[in-house]
Structures are given as C-alpha cells and as structure tokens.
N, C-alpha and C. Protein backbone atom coordinates (compact mmCIF):
# COMPACT_ATOMS: atom_id res chain seq x y z
N MET A 1 198.69 173.95 11.85
CA MET A 1 197.90 174.10 13.05
C MET A 1 197.87 172.81 13.85
N LEU A 2 197.91 171.64 13.20
CA LEU A 2 197.87 170.39 13.94
C LEU A 2 199.04 170.26 14.91
N ALA A 3 200.18 170.78 14.53
CA ALA A 3 201.34 170.71 15.43
C ALA A 3 201.13 171.53 16.69
N ASP A 4 200.27 172.53 16.63
CA ASP A 4 200.01 173.39 17.79
C ASP A 4 198.96 172.82 18.74
N LEU A 5 198.25 171.77 18.34
CA LEU A 5 197.16 171.26 19.17
C LEU A 5 197.59 170.87 20.58
N PRO A 6 198.72 170.20 20.76
CA PRO A 6 199.10 169.86 22.14
C PRO A 6 199.33 171.09 23.03
N ASP A 7 199.59 172.24 22.44
CA ASP A 7 199.75 173.47 23.22
C ASP A 7 198.40 174.06 23.62
N ARG A 8 197.34 173.70 22.94
CA ARG A 8 196.02 174.31 23.14
C ARG A 8 194.98 173.37 23.71
N ILE A 9 195.09 172.08 23.41
CA ILE A 9 194.06 171.11 23.77
C ILE A 9 194.69 170.00 24.59
N SER A 10 193.97 169.59 25.63
CA SER A 10 194.48 168.48 26.44
C SER A 10 193.36 167.47 26.69
N ILE A 11 193.79 166.25 26.92
CA ILE A 11 192.88 165.17 27.28
C ILE A 11 193.46 164.51 28.52
N ASP A 12 192.69 164.55 29.60
CA ASP A 12 193.12 163.99 30.88
C ASP A 12 191.92 163.27 31.48
N PRO A 13 192.05 161.98 31.77
CA PRO A 13 190.92 161.24 32.31
C PRO A 13 190.38 161.83 33.62
N GLN A 14 191.19 162.63 34.30
CA GLN A 14 190.78 163.24 35.56
C GLN A 14 190.08 164.59 35.37
N VAL A 15 190.02 165.07 34.12
CA VAL A 15 189.40 166.38 33.83
C VAL A 15 188.26 166.17 32.84
N CYS A 16 187.07 166.56 33.24
CA CYS A 16 185.88 166.50 32.35
C CYS A 16 185.70 165.14 31.70
N PHE A 17 185.91 164.08 32.49
CA PHE A 17 185.67 162.71 32.01
C PHE A 17 186.57 162.34 30.84
N GLY A 18 187.70 163.01 30.69
CA GLY A 18 188.61 162.68 29.59
C GLY A 18 188.25 163.29 28.26
N LYS A 19 187.27 164.20 28.25
CA LYS A 19 186.92 164.87 26.99
C LYS A 19 188.02 165.87 26.63
N PRO A 20 188.24 166.11 25.35
CA PRO A 20 189.21 167.13 24.95
C PRO A 20 188.74 168.51 25.43
N VAL A 21 189.62 169.22 26.09
CA VAL A 21 189.33 170.55 26.61
C VAL A 21 190.42 171.52 26.17
N ILE A 22 190.09 172.80 26.24
CA ILE A 22 191.11 173.81 26.03
C ILE A 22 192.02 173.78 27.24
N LYS A 23 193.30 173.65 27.00
CA LYS A 23 194.28 173.49 28.06
C LYS A 23 194.14 174.60 29.10
N GLY A 24 194.15 174.20 30.37
CA GLY A 24 194.05 175.16 31.46
C GLY A 24 192.63 175.56 31.80
N THR A 25 191.64 174.96 31.12
CA THR A 25 190.23 175.26 31.38
C THR A 25 189.47 173.94 31.48
N ARG A 26 188.20 174.05 31.73
CA ARG A 26 187.31 172.89 31.68
C ARG A 26 186.30 173.10 30.55
N ILE A 27 186.70 173.85 29.55
CA ILE A 27 185.82 174.13 28.41
C ILE A 27 186.08 173.08 27.34
N TRP A 28 185.04 172.30 27.07
CA TRP A 28 185.15 171.21 26.10
C TRP A 28 185.30 171.74 24.68
N VAL A 29 186.16 171.09 23.91
CA VAL A 29 186.26 171.38 22.48
C VAL A 29 184.89 171.16 21.84
N GLU A 30 184.19 170.13 22.27
CA GLU A 30 182.85 169.83 21.75
C GLU A 30 181.91 171.02 21.93
N LEU A 31 181.98 171.70 23.07
CA LEU A 31 181.13 172.86 23.32
C LEU A 31 181.42 173.96 22.31
N ILE A 32 182.69 174.24 22.08
CA ILE A 32 183.08 175.29 21.14
C ILE A 32 182.57 174.95 19.74
N LEU A 33 182.79 173.71 19.32
CA LEU A 33 182.33 173.30 17.99
C LEU A 33 180.81 173.35 17.89
N SER A 34 180.11 172.96 18.94
CA SER A 34 178.64 173.00 18.93
C SER A 34 178.14 174.44 18.86
N LEU A 35 178.77 175.33 19.61
CA LEU A 35 178.37 176.74 19.56
C LEU A 35 178.54 177.30 18.16
N MET A 36 179.68 176.97 17.53
CA MET A 36 179.92 177.45 16.17
C MET A 36 178.92 176.85 15.19
N ALA A 37 178.63 175.56 15.35
CA ALA A 37 177.68 174.89 14.46
C ALA A 37 176.28 175.49 14.61
N ASP A 38 175.95 175.96 15.81
CA ASP A 38 174.64 176.57 16.05
C ASP A 38 174.58 178.03 15.63
N GLY A 39 175.69 178.55 15.11
CA GLY A 39 175.68 179.90 14.58
C GLY A 39 176.32 180.98 15.43
N SER A 40 176.88 180.60 16.58
CA SER A 40 177.57 181.61 17.39
C SER A 40 178.83 182.07 16.66
N SER A 41 179.07 183.36 16.70
CA SER A 41 180.28 183.90 16.09
C SER A 41 181.45 183.76 17.06
N ALA A 42 182.64 183.87 16.52
CA ALA A 42 183.83 183.84 17.37
C ALA A 42 183.75 184.95 18.41
N GLU A 43 183.28 186.10 18.01
CA GLU A 43 183.19 187.24 18.93
C GLU A 43 182.23 186.92 20.08
N GLU A 44 181.11 186.28 19.79
CA GLU A 44 180.15 185.91 20.83
C GLU A 44 180.76 184.91 21.81
N ILE A 45 181.44 183.91 21.27
CA ILE A 45 182.05 182.89 22.12
C ILE A 45 183.13 183.52 23.00
N LEU A 46 183.96 184.35 22.42
CA LEU A 46 185.03 184.99 23.20
C LEU A 46 184.45 185.93 24.26
N ARG A 47 183.33 186.55 23.97
CA ARG A 47 182.68 187.41 24.96
C ARG A 47 182.12 186.57 26.11
N ASP A 48 181.50 185.44 25.77
CA ASP A 48 180.89 184.59 26.78
C ASP A 48 181.90 183.76 27.57
N TYR A 49 183.04 183.51 26.97
CA TYR A 49 184.12 182.72 27.60
C TYR A 49 185.43 183.51 27.49
N PRO A 50 185.59 184.54 28.30
CA PRO A 50 186.75 185.44 28.16
C PRO A 50 188.11 184.77 28.40
N GLN A 51 188.11 183.59 28.99
CA GLN A 51 189.37 182.89 29.20
C GLN A 51 189.89 182.24 27.92
N LEU A 52 189.07 182.22 26.88
CA LEU A 52 189.48 181.66 25.59
C LEU A 52 190.12 182.73 24.72
N SER A 53 190.89 182.26 23.76
CA SER A 53 191.49 183.15 22.76
C SER A 53 191.05 182.70 21.37
N ASP A 54 191.28 183.56 20.41
CA ASP A 54 190.97 183.21 19.03
C ASP A 54 191.75 181.96 18.62
N GLU A 55 192.98 181.83 19.11
CA GLU A 55 193.79 180.65 18.79
C GLU A 55 193.15 179.38 19.34
N ASP A 56 192.50 179.48 20.51
CA ASP A 56 191.80 178.32 21.07
C ASP A 56 190.65 177.90 20.17
N LEU A 57 189.93 178.86 19.64
CA LEU A 57 188.82 178.54 18.74
C LEU A 57 189.35 177.88 17.47
N ARG A 58 190.42 178.41 16.92
CA ARG A 58 191.00 177.80 15.71
C ARG A 58 191.53 176.40 16.00
N ALA A 59 192.12 176.20 17.18
CA ALA A 59 192.61 174.87 17.55
C ALA A 59 191.44 173.89 17.64
N SER A 60 190.31 174.34 18.17
CA SER A 60 189.13 173.48 18.25
C SER A 60 188.67 173.07 16.86
N LEU A 61 188.63 174.03 15.95
CA LEU A 61 188.26 173.72 14.57
C LEU A 61 189.24 172.75 13.93
N ALA A 62 190.52 172.97 14.16
CA ALA A 62 191.54 172.08 13.59
C ALA A 62 191.42 170.67 14.17
N TYR A 63 191.13 170.58 15.45
CA TYR A 63 190.95 169.28 16.10
C TYR A 63 189.75 168.56 15.47
N GLY A 64 188.64 169.25 15.34
CA GLY A 64 187.45 168.65 14.72
C GLY A 64 187.69 168.25 13.28
N ALA A 65 188.39 169.09 12.54
CA ALA A 65 188.68 168.77 11.14
C ALA A 65 189.58 167.54 11.04
N SER A 66 190.54 167.44 11.93
CA SER A 66 191.44 166.30 11.92
C SER A 66 190.68 165.01 12.21
N LEU A 67 189.78 165.06 13.19
CA LEU A 67 188.99 163.86 13.49
C LEU A 67 188.07 163.50 12.33
N ALA A 68 187.49 164.50 11.69
CA ALA A 68 186.61 164.24 10.55
C ALA A 68 187.38 163.62 9.39
N ALA A 69 188.64 163.95 9.28
CA ALA A 69 189.47 163.41 8.21
C ALA A 69 189.98 162.00 8.55
N GLY A 70 189.68 161.54 9.76
CA GLY A 70 190.10 160.20 10.15
C GLY A 70 191.48 160.14 10.75
N HIS A 71 192.02 161.28 11.15
CA HIS A 71 193.35 161.31 11.76
C HIS A 71 193.23 161.25 13.27
N PHE A 72 194.15 160.54 13.88
CA PHE A 72 194.25 160.50 15.33
C PHE A 72 195.21 161.61 15.75
N VAL A 73 194.79 162.43 16.67
CA VAL A 73 195.63 163.53 17.15
C VAL A 73 195.96 163.27 18.61
N ASP A 74 197.21 163.01 18.92
CA ASP A 74 197.63 162.76 20.29
C ASP A 74 197.92 164.08 20.99
N VAL A 75 197.00 164.47 21.86
CA VAL A 75 197.20 165.73 22.60
C VAL A 75 197.30 165.47 24.10
N ALA A 76 197.33 164.22 24.50
CA ALA A 76 197.39 163.89 25.93
C ALA A 76 198.71 164.25 26.53
C-alpha cells in the first residue's frame, strides 16, 4: 500500500497549507484519520464525502501508520 500513496495522497504548499490531502481534493488526510478515530465508519465517511473512495480511506490509514512507524513517505 505504501507504494500506492503517491497516487492517492499529495502534499502541495499551495493547497491546504501543505497538509497531506487526498489527491484531487482539499480533504485532509488528518480529517479522515480523525473521523475514524472518533468512531465514524468507512460507510459514513464515504456517504458524507462522496468524492472519496474506499482506496482513499485505506491510503489515509497507510499514511498514518507509516508516520507512526517513523517512516518518511514522499508523496509530493
């Protein structure tokens, strides 16, 4: 999944202050992870953000897991 992150997540200083976002959107990876941590299901998130896909949610989880493991993920 880490190899797929550049296809799903982007970091651009001109978009959302350089926060990691789902590519092609202004939806922060942080928002997705926070929603999941607060108990939102994937189905709820996809309903509320129809421009997202299940793969985007998994990419967000993989990105967070990689950072927690101390790995740098270049998605710029």
